[in-house]
Amino acid sequence: MNINELEQLEKTGRFDVKSIALEWTEPHSPNGDCMYNHYIAETAFGRFLLTWKGWNDYPEYVFDETPWDSVECRGWATITDAQEWAAQEMARRIHIHIAAANPSAILELIAAYREAVDALERIKNIDDEYNEACWIAVHALDTAKRLGVE
């Protein structure tokens, strides 16, 4: 869910989504980031790290990381089942937090986020390639774009 979708959700007051679409990477072999075969889905709240032991004939799929800093140790028989669980669990957790949230606080958060993005755009355009603030602004804007703020 990106900031624009959150704003629309706040305006309509409805959240009846049963799952959140997650974008998964292509499968990765074991590497410096993870010692197992894995997929990653980045979200505005953190990442899902779905792993399996690719050398086993019948691997189980496990989440070594979730956006809420817990490991979901239960094993799924298929990648699809594990990814569907992640999408449904993400929707469930967002629903719980939005239901408990103060709607005006959500609007204030959205406005503050957009103001910060505007400020970063202005900093980025300073004509000084050695300015550390410019470098930070460019990377922060890349993150904002990934989260859906244009």
Protein backbone atom coordinates (compact mmCIF):
# COMPACT_ATOMS: atom_id res chain seq x y z
CA MET A 1 0.00 0.00 0.00
CA ASN A 2 1.51 3.35 -0.97
CA ILE A 3 0.81 6.83 0.37
CA ASN A 4 -1.69 7.62 -2.40
CA GLU A 5 -3.68 4.45 -1.65
CA LEU A 6 -3.62 5.28 2.05
CA GLU A 7 -4.99 8.75 1.31
CA GLN A 8 -7.77 7.27 -0.84
CA LEU A 9 -8.56 4.79 1.90
CA GLU A 10 -8.82 7.59 4.46
CA LYS A 11 -11.15 9.59 2.17
CA THR A 12 -13.51 6.70 1.49
CA GLY A 13 -13.37 5.28 5.01
CA ARG A 14 -13.46 1.76 3.59
CA PHE A 15 -11.01 -1.04 3.92
CA ASP A 16 -12.46 -4.28 2.66
CA VAL A 17 -9.39 -5.58 0.87
CA LYS A 18 -8.64 -9.21 1.71
CA SER A 19 -5.05 -9.09 0.53
CA ILE A 20 -2.42 -6.57 -0.52
CA ALA A 21 -0.60 -7.02 -3.82
CA LEU A 22 3.07 -7.60 -3.07
CA GLU A 23 5.81 -7.38 -5.68
CA TRP A 24 8.24 -10.28 -5.29
CA THR A 25 11.74 -10.39 -6.70
CA GLU A 26 12.86 -13.18 -8.94
CA PRO A 27 14.20 -16.13 -6.93
CA HIS A 28 17.69 -15.55 -5.54
CA SER A 29 20.30 -18.20 -4.85
CA PRO A 30 22.06 -18.13 -1.47
CA ASN A 31 24.20 -14.98 -1.25
CA GLY A 32 25.58 -12.46 1.24
CA ASP A 33 22.06 -11.28 2.09
CA CYS A 34 20.67 -14.74 2.85
CA MET A 35 22.20 -18.19 3.11
CA TYR A 36 19.13 -19.88 1.58
CA ASN A 37 17.30 -19.59 -1.71
CA HIS A 38 14.91 -16.68 -1.33
CA TYR A 39 12.41 -14.16 -2.61
CA ILE A 40 12.04 -10.62 -1.29
CA ALA A 41 8.99 -8.35 -1.26
CA GLU A 42 9.68 -4.77 -0.15
CA THR A 43 6.81 -2.84 1.44
CA ALA A 44 6.46 0.61 2.96
CA PHE A 45 6.61 -1.12 6.37
CA GLY A 46 9.61 -3.38 5.80
CA ARG A 47 10.38 -6.48 3.81
CA PHE A 48 9.27 -10.07 3.56
CA LEU A 49 12.13 -12.53 3.17
CA LEU A 50 10.74 -15.87 1.98
CA THR A 51 13.35 -18.63 2.13
CA TRP A 52 13.72 -22.29 1.34
CA LYS A 53 16.51 -24.83 1.16
CA GLY A 54 16.79 -25.25 -2.58
CA TRP A 55 18.95 -28.35 -2.25
CA ASN A 56 16.10 -30.33 -0.63
CA ASP A 57 13.77 -32.40 -2.83
CA TYR A 58 10.69 -31.18 -0.92
CA PRO A 59 11.53 -27.83 0.63
CA GLU A 60 9.33 -25.92 3.02
CA TYR A 61 8.90 -22.19 2.48
CA VAL A 62 9.46 -20.01 5.57
CA PHE A 63 9.51 -16.26 6.26
CA ASP A 64 12.83 -15.38 7.87
CA GLU A 65 11.76 -11.71 7.94
CA THR A 66 8.44 -9.90 7.98
CA PRO A 67 7.72 -6.16 8.14
CA TRP A 68 6.71 -6.57 11.79
CA ASP A 69 10.08 -8.00 12.83
CA SER A 70 8.98 -11.52 13.51
CA VAL A 71 9.83 -14.82 11.93
CA GLU A 72 6.92 -16.89 10.64
CA CYS A 73 8.38 -20.34 11.24
CA ARG A 74 5.46 -22.32 9.94
CA GLY A 75 6.40 -23.99 6.67
CA TRP A 76 4.30 -23.75 3.53
CA ALA A 77 4.30 -26.48 0.92
CA THR A 78 4.37 -24.06 -2.02
CA ILE A 79 5.73 -20.63 -2.78
CA THR A 80 2.25 -19.54 -3.86
CA ASP A 81 0.73 -20.52 -0.50
CA ALA A 82 3.41 -18.60 1.39
CA GLN A 83 3.07 -15.52 -0.80
CA GLU A 84 -0.73 -15.58 -0.46
CA TRP A 85 -0.37 -15.76 3.33
CA ALA A 86 1.93 -12.70 3.26
CA ALA A 87 -0.56 -10.70 1.16
CA GLN A 88 -3.47 -11.62 3.43
CA GLU A 89 -1.52 -11.02 6.64
CA MET A 90 -0.39 -7.62 5.39
CA ALA A 91 -4.00 -6.64 4.67
CA ARG A 92 -5.14 -7.91 8.07
CA ARG A 93 -2.52 -5.92 9.93
CA ILE A 94 -3.16 -2.73 7.94
CA HIS A 95 -6.88 -3.11 8.59
CA ILE A 96 -6.33 -3.42 12.35
CA HIS A 97 -4.13 -0.33 12.49
CA ILE A 98 -6.37 1.80 10.30
CA ALA A 99 -9.45 0.82 12.30
CA ALA A 100 -7.69 1.99 15.47
CA ALA A 101 -6.14 5.09 13.93
CA ASN A 102 -7.21 8.65 14.36
CA PRO A 103 -8.34 9.71 10.83
CA SER A 104 -7.08 13.28 11.24
CA ALA A 105 -3.67 11.89 12.24
CA ILE A 106 -3.58 9.93 8.97
CA LEU A 107 -4.30 13.11 7.01
CA GLU A 108 -1.59 14.97 8.94
CA LEU A 109 0.88 12.17 8.26
CA ILE A 110 0.08 12.24 4.54
CA ALA A 111 0.46 16.04 4.41
CA ALA A 112 3.75 15.92 6.32
CA TYR A 113 5.09 13.19 4.04
CA ARG A 114 4.21 15.18 0.92
CA GLU A 115 5.79 18.34 2.37
CA ALA A 116 8.98 16.38 3.07
CA VAL A 117 9.04 15.07 -0.50
CA ASP A 118 8.58 18.62 -1.84
CA ALA A 119 11.45 19.86 0.34
CA LEU A 120 13.67 17.02 -0.88
CA GLU A 121 12.86 17.96 -4.49
CA ARG A 122 14.01 21.53 -3.81
CA ILE A 123 17.22 20.35 -2.10
CA LYS A 124 17.95 17.93 -4.95
CA ASN A 125 17.87 20.78 -7.46
CA ILE A 126 20.63 22.77 -5.74
CA ASP A 127 23.47 22.99 -8.25
CA ASP A 128 26.20 21.49 -6.10
CA GLU A 129 27.22 17.93 -6.92
CA TYR A 130 29.29 17.69 -3.73
CA ASN A 131 26.48 18.72 -1.41
CA GLU A 132 25.73 15.79 0.90
CA ALA A 133 22.17 17.05 1.35
CA CYS A 134 21.64 16.66 -2.41
CA TRP A 135 22.87 13.08 -2.28
CA ILE A 136 20.56 12.30 0.66
CA ALA A 137 17.63 13.98 -1.09
CA VAL A 138 18.13 11.96 -4.28
CA HIS A 139 18.14 8.68 -2.35
CA ALA A 140 15.15 9.69 -0.21
CA LEU A 141 13.22 10.61 -3.36
CA ASP A 142 14.03 7.21 -4.85
CA THR A 143 12.49 5.66 -1.74
CA ALA A 144 9.45 7.93 -1.97
CA LYS A 145 8.96 6.97 -5.62
CA ARG A 146 9.18 3.28 -4.68
CA LEU A 147 6.48 3.91 -2.06
CA GLY A 148 4.19 5.52 -4.65
CA VAL A 149 4.72 9.24 -4.12
CA GLU A 150 5.33 11.08 -7.38
